[in-house]
Amino acid sequence: MTGTKKWTTEITITEVGREVTAEARLRGENSGSLVGYGSAICKVTDANVPAIGDELAAARAFSDLSHQLLHNAAEDIEAHTRQPVDHLRV
């Protein structure tokens, strides 16, 4: 394998009141399109700092996306080797 591939991620953050949701969308030549979701809620007793909610929701969306990629990789390995994948290092 020689060459360069480009995968693009786009994060969309939506704030409604004290709740923030995020979608992390991955696009690539062979990756198709995957979407990870995350959210954060600011408690009434907490100071409302929107940047913190954005960071938490985005991090959770990227975490969801990374788990989907690991799951897909495990399925591809199993299809190629015809052996179960027990553990993938994160």
C-alpha atoms as a PDB file:
ATOM      1  CA  MET A   1       0.000   0.000   0.000  1.00  0.00           C
ATOM      2  CA  THR A   2       1.461   3.264  -1.097  1.00  0.00           C
ATOM      3  CA  GLY A   3      -0.379   6.509  -1.463  1.00  0.00           C
ATOM      4  CA  THR A   4      -2.400   9.062   0.356  1.00  0.00           C
ATOM      5  CA  LYS A   5      -6.053   8.883   1.239  1.00  0.00           C
ATOM      6  CA  LYS A   6      -8.177  11.705   2.478  1.00  0.00           C
ATOM      7  CA  TRP A   7     -10.995  11.262   4.949  1.00  0.00           C
ATOM      8  CA  THR A   8     -12.950  14.299   6.002  1.00  0.00           C
ATOM      9  CA  THR A   9     -14.757  14.802   9.287  1.00  0.00           C
ATOM     10  CA  GLU A  10     -17.404  17.400   9.868  1.00  0.00           C
ATOM     11  CA  ILE A  11     -18.899  18.189  13.247  1.00  0.00           C
ATOM     12  CA  THR A  12     -22.301  19.835  13.571  1.00  0.00           C
ATOM     13  CA  ILE A  13     -23.197  21.198  16.999  1.00  0.00           C
ATOM     14  CA  THR A  14     -26.743  22.221  17.887  1.00  0.00           C
ATOM     15  CA  GLU A  15     -27.637  24.061  21.082  1.00  0.00           C
ATOM     16  CA  VAL A  16     -31.210  24.174  22.375  1.00  0.00           C
ATOM     17  CA  GLY A  17     -31.543  25.709  25.800  1.00  0.00           C
ATOM     18  CA  ARG A  18     -29.167  23.872  28.122  1.00  0.00           C
ATOM     19  CA  GLU A  19     -28.813  20.819  25.854  1.00  0.00           C
ATOM     20  CA  VAL A  20     -26.160  20.408  23.180  1.00  0.00           C
ATOM     21  CA  THR A  21     -26.111  17.689  20.538  1.00  0.00           C
ATOM     22  CA  ALA A  22     -23.343  16.924  18.076  1.00  0.00           C
ATOM     23  CA  GLU A  23     -23.012  14.870  14.923  1.00  0.00           C
ATOM     24  CA  ALA A  24     -19.554  13.839  13.734  1.00  0.00           C
ATOM     25  CA  ARG A  25     -19.724  12.816  10.086  1.00  0.00           C
ATOM     26  CA  LEU A  26     -16.869  10.932   8.399  1.00  0.00           C
ATOM     27  CA  ARG A  27     -16.566  10.778   4.635  1.00  0.00           C
ATOM     28  CA  GLY A  28     -13.912   8.976   2.655  1.00  0.00           C
ATOM     29  CA  GLU A  29     -13.340   7.120  -0.585  1.00  0.00           C
ATOM     30  CA  ASN A  30     -13.831   3.648   0.827  1.00  0.00           C
ATOM     31  CA  SER A  31     -15.297   4.481   4.208  1.00  0.00           C
ATOM     32  CA  GLY A  32     -18.692   5.518   2.915  1.00  0.00           C
ATOM     33  CA  SER A  33     -20.327   7.832   5.382  1.00  0.00           C
ATOM     34  CA  LEU A  34     -20.474   7.188   9.102  1.00  0.00           C
ATOM     35  CA  VAL A  35     -22.134   9.407  11.689  1.00  0.00           C
ATOM     36  CA  GLY A  36     -21.387   9.516  15.404  1.00  0.00           C
ATOM     37  CA  TYR A  37     -23.712  11.160  17.901  1.00  0.00           C
ATOM     38  CA  GLY A  38     -23.069  12.849  21.223  1.00  0.00           C
ATOM     39  CA  SER A  39     -24.850  15.126  23.651  1.00  0.00           C
ATOM     40  CA  ALA A  40     -24.376  17.129  26.817  1.00  0.00           C
ATOM     41  CA  ILE A  41     -26.827  18.715  29.215  1.00  0.00           C
ATOM     42  CA  CYS A  42     -26.002  21.592  31.517  1.00  0.00           C
ATOM     43  CA  LYS A  43     -27.615  21.057  34.906  1.00  0.00           C
ATOM     44  CA  VAL A  44     -29.603  23.926  36.353  1.00  0.00           C
ATOM     45  CA  THR A  45     -27.143  24.087  39.257  1.00  0.00           C
ATOM     46  CA  ASP A  46     -24.133  24.438  36.900  1.00  0.00           C
ATOM     47  CA  ALA A  47     -22.921  27.655  35.335  1.00  0.00           C
ATOM     48  CA  ASN A  48     -24.027  27.737  31.704  1.00  0.00           C
ATOM     49  CA  VAL A  49     -20.742  27.762  29.758  1.00  0.00           C
ATOM     50  CA  PRO A  50     -21.681  26.852  26.169  1.00  0.00           C
ATOM     51  CA  ALA A  51     -18.106  26.018  25.125  1.00  0.00           C
ATOM     52  CA  ILE A  52     -17.947  23.204  27.690  1.00  0.00           C
ATOM     53  CA  GLY A  53     -21.167  21.652  26.402  1.00  0.00           C
ATOM     54  CA  ASP A  54     -19.872  21.929  22.833  1.00  0.00           C
ATOM     55  CA  GLU A  55     -16.638  20.161  23.787  1.00  0.00           C
ATOM     56  CA  LEU A  56     -18.409  17.362  25.655  1.00  0.00           C
ATOM     57  CA  ALA A  57     -20.979  16.746  22.917  1.00  0.00           C
ATOM     58  CA  ALA A  58     -18.313  16.808  20.194  1.00  0.00           C
ATOM     59  CA  ALA A  59     -16.019  14.462  22.138  1.00  0.00           C
ATOM     60  CA  ARG A  60     -18.890  12.025  22.655  1.00  0.00           C
ATOM     61  CA  ALA A  61     -19.809  12.176  18.960  1.00  0.00           C
ATOM     62  CA  PHE A  62     -16.200  11.465  17.948  1.00  0.00           C
ATOM     63  CA  SER A  63     -16.042   8.632  20.496  1.00  0.00           C
ATOM     64  CA  ASP A  64     -19.183   7.090  19.008  1.00  0.00           C
ATOM     65  CA  LEU A  65     -17.680   7.452  15.535  1.00  0.00           C
ATOM     66  CA  SER A  66     -14.409   5.811  16.589  1.00  0.00           C
ATOM     67  CA  HIS A  67     -16.278   2.839  18.061  1.00  0.00           C
ATOM     68  CA  GLN A  68     -18.140   2.413  14.780  1.00  0.00           C
ATOM     69  CA  LEU A  69     -14.832   2.424  12.878  1.00  0.00           C
ATOM     70  CA  LEU A  70     -13.362  -0.198  15.222  1.00  0.00           C
ATOM     71  CA  HIS A  71     -16.480  -2.333  14.819  1.00  0.00           C
ATOM     72  CA  ASN A  72     -16.254  -2.069  11.019  1.00  0.00           C
ATOM     73  CA  ALA A  73     -12.538  -2.914  11.096  1.00  0.00           C
ATOM     74  CA  ALA A  74     -13.213  -5.991  13.238  1.00  0.00           C
ATOM     75  CA  GLU A  75     -15.896  -7.160  10.806  1.00  0.00           C
ATOM     76  CA  ASP A  76     -13.528  -6.641   7.860  1.00  0.00           C
ATOM     77  CA  ILE A  77     -10.724  -8.559   9.614  1.00  0.00           C
ATOM     78  CA  GLU A  78     -13.083 -11.430  10.400  1.00  0.00           C
ATOM     79  CA  ALA A  79     -14.328 -11.539   6.802  1.00  0.00           C
ATOM     80  CA  HIS A  80     -10.755 -11.588   5.495  1.00  0.00           C
ATOM     81  CA  THR A  81      -9.252 -14.080   7.967  1.00  0.00           C
ATOM     82  CA  ARG A  82     -12.372 -16.095   8.754  1.00  0.00           C
ATOM     83  CA  GLN A  83     -11.270 -15.886  12.394  1.00  0.00           C
ATOM     84  CA  PRO A  84     -13.072 -14.080  15.217  1.00  0.00           C
ATOM     85  CA  VAL A  85     -11.527 -10.867  16.474  1.00  0.00           C
ATOM     86  CA  ASP A  86     -11.274 -11.012  20.250  1.00  0.00           C
ATOM     87  CA  HIS A  87      -9.635  -7.685  21.048  1.00  0.00           C
ATOM     88  CA  LEU A  88      -8.698  -4.584  19.120  1.00  0.00           C
ATOM     89  CA  ARG A  89      -6.391  -2.099  20.789  1.00  0.00           C
ATOM     90  CA  VAL A  90      -7.900   1.342  21.048  1.00  0.00           C
END
